[in-house]
Protein backbone atom coordinates (compact mmCIF):
# COMPACT_ATOMS: atom_id res chain seq x y z
CA MET A 1 298.81 1.68 9.94
CA GLY A 2 301.17 -1.26 10.18
CA ASN A 3 303.05 -3.42 7.68
CA ASN A 4 301.01 -6.60 8.19
CA ASP A 5 303.63 -7.92 10.53
CA LYS A 6 301.52 -8.92 13.52
CA GLN A 7 301.92 -12.60 14.28
CA TRP A 8 298.94 -14.77 14.80
CA SER A 9 298.52 -15.86 18.43
CA SER A 10 295.97 -17.15 20.90
CA ALA A 11 295.44 -13.60 22.15
CA THR A 12 295.27 -12.12 18.68
CA PRO A 13 294.18 -14.88 16.27
CA GLY A 14 294.37 -14.49 12.53
CA LEU A 15 291.64 -15.00 9.93
CA LEU A 16 292.64 -17.12 6.89
CA ILE A 17 290.07 -17.48 4.10
CA ILE A 18 290.77 -19.79 1.17
CA LEU A 19 288.64 -19.31 -1.88
CA VAL A 20 288.63 -22.31 -4.26
CA ASP A 21 287.29 -22.46 -7.81
CA GLN A 22 284.80 -25.28 -8.13
CA SER A 23 283.87 -24.76 -11.79
CA GLY A 24 283.78 -27.58 -14.34
CA SER A 25 287.22 -26.76 -15.83
CA MET A 26 288.76 -27.64 -12.42
CA MET A 27 288.10 -31.30 -13.34
CA ASN A 28 290.70 -30.98 -16.15
CA GLN A 29 293.99 -32.95 -15.72
CA TYR A 30 296.65 -31.21 -13.64
CA CYS A 31 299.52 -33.28 -12.29
CA ASP A 32 300.49 -36.81 -11.18
CA GLY A 33 297.19 -38.12 -12.51
CA ASP A 34 295.12 -35.74 -10.44
CA SER A 35 292.64 -33.17 -11.73
CA ARG A 36 292.96 -29.56 -10.70
CA THR A 37 290.06 -29.98 -8.20
CA VAL A 38 291.57 -33.13 -6.68
CA PHE A 39 295.00 -31.57 -6.27
CA SER A 40 293.63 -28.26 -4.94
CA ALA A 41 291.58 -30.17 -2.23
CA LYS A 42 294.82 -32.16 -1.33
CA VAL A 43 296.81 -28.94 -0.87
CA ILE A 44 294.11 -27.16 1.12
CA ASN A 45 293.71 -30.17 3.43
CA ARG A 46 297.49 -30.44 3.79
CA VAL A 47 297.95 -26.75 4.65
CA ILE A 48 295.13 -26.88 7.27
CA ASN A 49 296.72 -29.94 8.83
CA THR A 50 300.14 -28.35 8.81
CA ILE A 51 298.87 -25.23 10.58
CA ILE A 52 297.13 -27.39 13.19
CA LYS A 53 300.33 -29.39 13.81
CA LYS A 54 302.50 -26.32 14.06
CA ASN A 55 300.23 -24.87 16.70
CA PHE A 56 299.74 -28.02 18.77
CA ASN A 57 300.17 -27.86 22.52
CA LYS A 58 300.02 -31.08 24.47
CA ASP A 59 296.72 -32.69 23.49
CA LYS A 60 295.14 -29.98 21.36
CA PRO A 61 296.07 -27.08 19.04
CA LYS A 62 296.11 -23.52 20.23
CA ASN A 63 293.50 -21.32 18.57
CA ARG A 64 295.89 -19.00 16.87
CA CYS A 65 293.72 -18.64 13.74
CA PHE A 66 290.28 -19.14 12.32
CA ILE A 67 290.20 -20.80 8.87
CA SER A 68 287.31 -20.64 6.41
CA VAL A 69 287.32 -22.47 3.04
CA ILE A 70 284.81 -21.13 0.55
CA GLY A 71 284.06 -22.95 -2.66
CA TYR A 72 282.55 -21.14 -5.61
CA GLY A 73 280.87 -22.75 -8.60
CA TYR A 74 277.20 -22.49 -9.47
CA GLU A 75 276.57 -21.78 -5.83
CA VAL A 76 278.88 -20.38 -3.12
CA LYS A 77 279.25 -22.26 0.14
CA GLU A 78 281.53 -22.55 3.10
CA LEU A 79 283.17 -25.92 2.87
CA CYS A 80 284.62 -25.80 6.31
CA SER A 81 285.28 -23.26 8.98
CA GLY A 82 286.44 -22.99 12.56
CA PHE A 83 289.29 -22.22 14.99
CA LEU A 84 292.04 -24.82 14.88
CA GLU A 85 290.67 -26.91 17.72
CA ASP A 86 287.32 -27.09 16.00
CA LEU A 87 288.83 -28.20 12.76
CA TYR A 88 291.09 -30.70 14.51
CA ASN A 89 288.14 -32.34 16.16
CA ASN A 90 285.79 -32.22 13.13
CA PRO A 91 287.24 -33.43 9.85
CA ILE A 92 284.84 -35.05 7.39
CA ARG A 93 287.00 -38.12 7.58
CA VAL A 94 290.62 -39.34 7.91
CA GLU A 95 292.49 -40.98 5.11
CA ASN A 96 295.13 -43.65 5.98
CA LYS A 97 298.14 -43.21 3.63
CA THR A 98 301.82 -43.97 3.48
CA GLN A 99 304.68 -41.51 3.14
CA LYS A 100 308.33 -42.13 2.25
CA VAL A 101 310.82 -40.88 4.81
CA SER A 102 314.54 -41.28 5.34
CA ASP A 103 315.69 -44.41 7.13
CA GLY A 104 318.81 -42.66 8.34
CA ASN A 105 321.09 -44.76 6.19
CA GLY A 106 320.59 -43.11 2.80
CA GLY A 107 317.41 -45.07 1.97
CA LEU A 108 313.71 -44.47 2.16
CA VAL A 109 311.04 -46.33 4.09
CA GLU A 110 307.27 -46.04 3.97
CA VAL A 111 305.48 -45.07 7.14
CA PRO A 112 301.78 -44.76 7.79
CA VAL A 113 300.34 -41.30 8.11
CA ASN A 114 296.79 -39.97 8.78
CA GLN A 115 295.48 -37.17 6.59
CA PRO A 116 292.34 -35.50 7.91
CA ILE A 117 289.93 -34.35 5.10
CA TRP A 118 287.99 -31.15 5.43
CA VAL A 119 287.60 -30.32 1.71
CA GLU A 120 286.42 -32.66 -1.04
CA PRO A 121 286.93 -32.21 -4.79
CA ILE A 122 284.02 -31.44 -7.10
CA THR A 123 282.38 -34.10 -9.34
CA LYS A 124 280.20 -31.98 -11.75
CA ASP A 125 280.48 -29.11 -14.20
CA VAL A 126 279.19 -25.71 -12.98
CA TRP A 127 279.80 -21.99 -13.33
CA THR A 128 282.57 -19.89 -11.76
CA ASN A 129 280.76 -17.51 -9.39
CA MET A 130 283.91 -15.92 -7.98
CA ARG A 131 282.12 -12.67 -7.40
CA ASP A 132 279.86 -14.15 -4.72
CA GLY A 133 282.81 -16.08 -3.30
CA PHE A 134 284.44 -12.69 -2.64
CA LYS A 135 281.22 -11.30 -1.32
CA MET A 136 281.04 -14.06 1.26
CA ALA A 137 284.67 -13.48 2.16
CA LYS A 138 284.07 -9.73 2.52
CA GLN A 139 281.22 -10.33 5.05
CA LEU A 140 283.48 -12.63 7.06
CA VAL A 141 286.30 -10.09 7.01
CA GLU A 142 284.03 -7.20 8.06
CA ASP A 143 282.45 -9.22 10.91
CA TRP A 144 285.92 -10.39 12.06
CA ILE A 145 287.48 -6.93 12.18
CA ALA A 146 284.45 -5.44 13.91
CA ASP A 147 284.68 -8.14 16.62
CA LYS A 148 288.45 -8.40 16.86
CA PRO A 149 289.94 -4.93 15.72
CA GLU A 150 293.27 -5.64 17.53
CA CYS A 151 293.96 -8.82 15.53
CA PRO A 152 296.23 -9.23 12.44
CA ALA A 153 294.75 -8.13 9.15
CA PRO A 154 292.86 -11.06 7.49
CA VAL A 155 294.34 -12.97 4.54
CA ILE A 156 292.42 -14.39 1.57
CA ILE A 157 294.02 -16.91 -0.78
CA ASN A 158 292.15 -17.46 -4.05
CA ILE A 159 292.78 -20.57 -6.09
CA SER A 160 291.37 -20.47 -9.65
CA ASP A 161 292.04 -21.71 -13.21
CA GLY A 162 290.44 -18.81 -15.04
CA VAL A 163 288.02 -15.90 -14.99
CA PRO A 164 284.62 -15.61 -13.34
CA TYR A 165 281.48 -16.71 -15.19
CA TYR A 166 277.93 -16.72 -13.82
CA ASP A 167 274.28 -15.75 -14.46
CA HIS A 168 274.79 -16.08 -18.29
CA GLN A 169 276.52 -12.73 -18.33
CA ASP A 170 279.40 -11.83 -20.69
CA GLY A 171 282.94 -12.27 -19.45
CA ASP A 172 283.73 -8.55 -19.19
CA THR A 173 280.73 -7.95 -16.89
CA CYS A 174 281.68 -10.84 -14.64
CA ILE A 175 285.27 -9.57 -14.39
CA ARG A 176 284.14 -5.98 -13.70
CA GLU A 177 281.71 -7.06 -11.00
CA THR A 178 284.17 -9.44 -9.34
CA THR A 179 286.92 -6.87 -9.42
CA ALA A 180 284.72 -4.33 -7.72
CA VAL A 181 284.03 -6.66 -4.79
CA ALA A 182 287.68 -7.61 -4.44
CA LYS A 183 288.74 -3.97 -4.50
CA GLU A 184 286.28 -3.21 -1.72
CA ILE A 185 288.03 -5.90 0.38
CA LEU A 186 291.51 -4.59 -0.40
CA ASN A 187 290.38 -1.21 0.95
CA ILE A 188 289.47 -2.62 4.32
CA SER A 189 292.09 -2.18 7.03
CA ASN A 190 292.89 -2.30 10.76
CA GLU A 191 295.87 -1.28 12.84
CA ASP A 192 297.96 -4.14 11.39
CA GLY A 193 297.44 -3.12 7.83
CA HIS A 194 295.13 -3.74 4.86
CA VAL A 195 293.32 -7.05 4.28
CA LEU A 196 295.44 -9.12 1.85
CA ILE A 197 294.37 -11.06 -1.20
CA PHE A 198 296.78 -13.51 -2.82
CA ASN A 199 295.90 -15.34 -6.04
CA ALA A 200 297.09 -18.60 -7.64
CA GLU A 201 296.03 -19.26 -11.25
CA ILE A 202 296.44 -23.04 -11.77
CA GLY A 203 298.48 -23.65 -14.84
CA ASP A 204 297.99 -25.44 -18.21
CA GLY A 205 301.63 -25.67 -19.16
CA GLY A 206 302.00 -22.07 -20.33
CA HIS A 207 304.59 -19.47 -19.25
CA LYS A 208 304.85 -19.15 -15.52
CA ILE A 209 304.74 -15.70 -13.96
CA ILE A 210 305.58 -15.53 -10.24
CA THR A 211 305.04 -12.50 -8.04
CA PRO A 212 305.02 -9.92 -10.84
CA SER A 213 305.58 -6.22 -10.07
CA SER A 214 304.09 -4.58 -13.14
CA GLU A 215 301.22 -4.92 -15.57
CA GLN A 216 303.75 -5.39 -18.41
CA GLU A 217 304.89 -8.63 -16.87
CA VAL A 218 301.45 -10.19 -17.07
CA ALA A 219 300.33 -8.65 -20.39
CA SER A 220 301.37 -11.64 -22.44
CA ALA A 221 299.51 -14.09 -20.14
CA GLY A 222 296.06 -13.01 -21.20
CA ARG A 223 292.88 -11.81 -19.61
CA PRO A 224 292.80 -14.19 -16.49
CA ALA A 225 296.28 -13.09 -15.46
CA GLN A 226 295.63 -9.40 -15.96
CA PHE A 227 292.33 -9.69 -13.97
CA LEU A 228 293.98 -11.64 -11.01
CA TYR A 229 297.04 -9.35 -10.97
CA ASP A 230 294.66 -6.36 -10.55
CA ILE A 231 293.04 -7.85 -7.43
CA SER A 232 296.23 -9.14 -5.81
CA SER A 233 297.93 -7.26 -2.89
CA VAL A 234 301.36 -5.85 -3.08
CA ILE A 235 303.46 -8.09 -0.70
CA PRO A 236 303.78 -6.13 2.48
CA GLU A 237 306.96 -5.86 4.55
CA GLY A 238 305.65 -8.29 7.12
CA TYR A 239 305.40 -11.10 4.51
CA LYS A 240 308.65 -10.64 2.64
CA ALA A 241 310.65 -13.03 4.76
CA ALA A 242 308.01 -15.74 4.26
CA ALA A 243 308.07 -15.06 0.51
CA ILE A 244 311.82 -15.51 0.41
CA LYS A 245 311.60 -18.71 2.56
CA ASN A 246 309.21 -20.09 -0.04
CA GLU A 247 311.57 -19.17 -2.87
CA LEU A 248 309.26 -16.60 -4.31
CA ASN A 249 311.34 -14.13 -6.24
CA ILE A 250 310.20 -10.76 -4.97
CA LYS A 251 311.21 -7.18 -5.68
CA ASP A 252 309.77 -3.78 -4.95
CA GLY A 253 306.11 -3.79 -5.85
CA SER A 254 305.79 -7.53 -6.26
CA ARG A 255 302.23 -8.78 -5.86
CA GLY A 256 301.18 -11.98 -4.16
CA CYS A 257 300.12 -13.89 -7.27
CA ILE A 258 301.27 -16.71 -9.46
CA PHE A 259 300.07 -17.52 -13.01
CA ASN A 260 300.30 -20.89 -14.73
CA ALA A 261 301.25 -22.31 -11.41
CA ASP A 262 302.31 -25.91 -11.29
CA ALA A 263 301.94 -28.08 -8.18
CA VAL A 264 305.10 -26.78 -6.57
CA GLU A 265 304.25 -23.10 -7.11
CA LEU A 266 300.68 -23.56 -5.88
CA ILE A 267 302.00 -25.12 -2.61
CA LYS A 268 304.59 -22.34 -2.24
CA LEU A 269 301.93 -19.59 -2.59
CA ILE A 270 299.55 -21.19 -0.10
CA ASP A 271 302.38 -21.83 2.42
CA PHE A 272 303.48 -18.22 1.98
CA GLY A 273 299.92 -16.78 2.42
CA SER A 274 299.33 -18.86 5.56
CA SER A 275 302.78 -18.28 6.99
CA LYS A 276 301.59 -16.30 9.96
CA GLY A 277 299.72 -19.38 11.19
CA GLN A 278 302.81 -21.53 10.77
CA GLY A 279 305.08 -19.47 12.97
CA ASP A 280 306.99 -18.28 9.98
CA LYS A 281 308.11 -14.67 9.80
């Protein structure tokens, strides 16, 4: 079995699944006036657009990966999915914005930019059915590996602000059931290596924990951190260079997870997890 070092390509495309929490607490304030759900949607749209741009060839992107974004709240649903060319041709809409760039003389100028939108933020309070989000991801992973066994091992990035809650069950039951499904996914492998799960817990101003390597490091962060640490992959050899490039402080046994992540850390983790689709080693 490999070290998860196979690069995504047109011949051997990768599968990137982004799970995003769509519970009511995601409407809480996060940064720059945005709620957690608004900012998460912005980051997901940005990373999809970045991957498309980095794989562009003449008038269209090369289909070097398939991206699926799954939202979990009261219900679980695929918010968007497709190979890069499909996504490029089918955004929900395109927002016209401005971006500050260097003018070459030490100043900044605003230039117009187009941001395609594939994922919208939530607008109502619901449960956190993370278990069924992972169940949907597991089915996609199994189908993908069965159809494309020679491709890189799939990657799942989970963005959440807490623990699962659904069906009026107690928290311990929800955590136990969700952990069981996630562990089943982590045990799936192909020639490239095991399926990877990386987790970002969106912060509330508490102590940040970045790519921890032991349970002791997350013990003080409470139940959400301990739960997500338990279902996060150890960063494999094939992703260590991308982790370093994204300024993630890794050591032996570091897991691909961040707790109390602010906007910068959330972006770093998603960029790191999708690095194989961005041509980054």
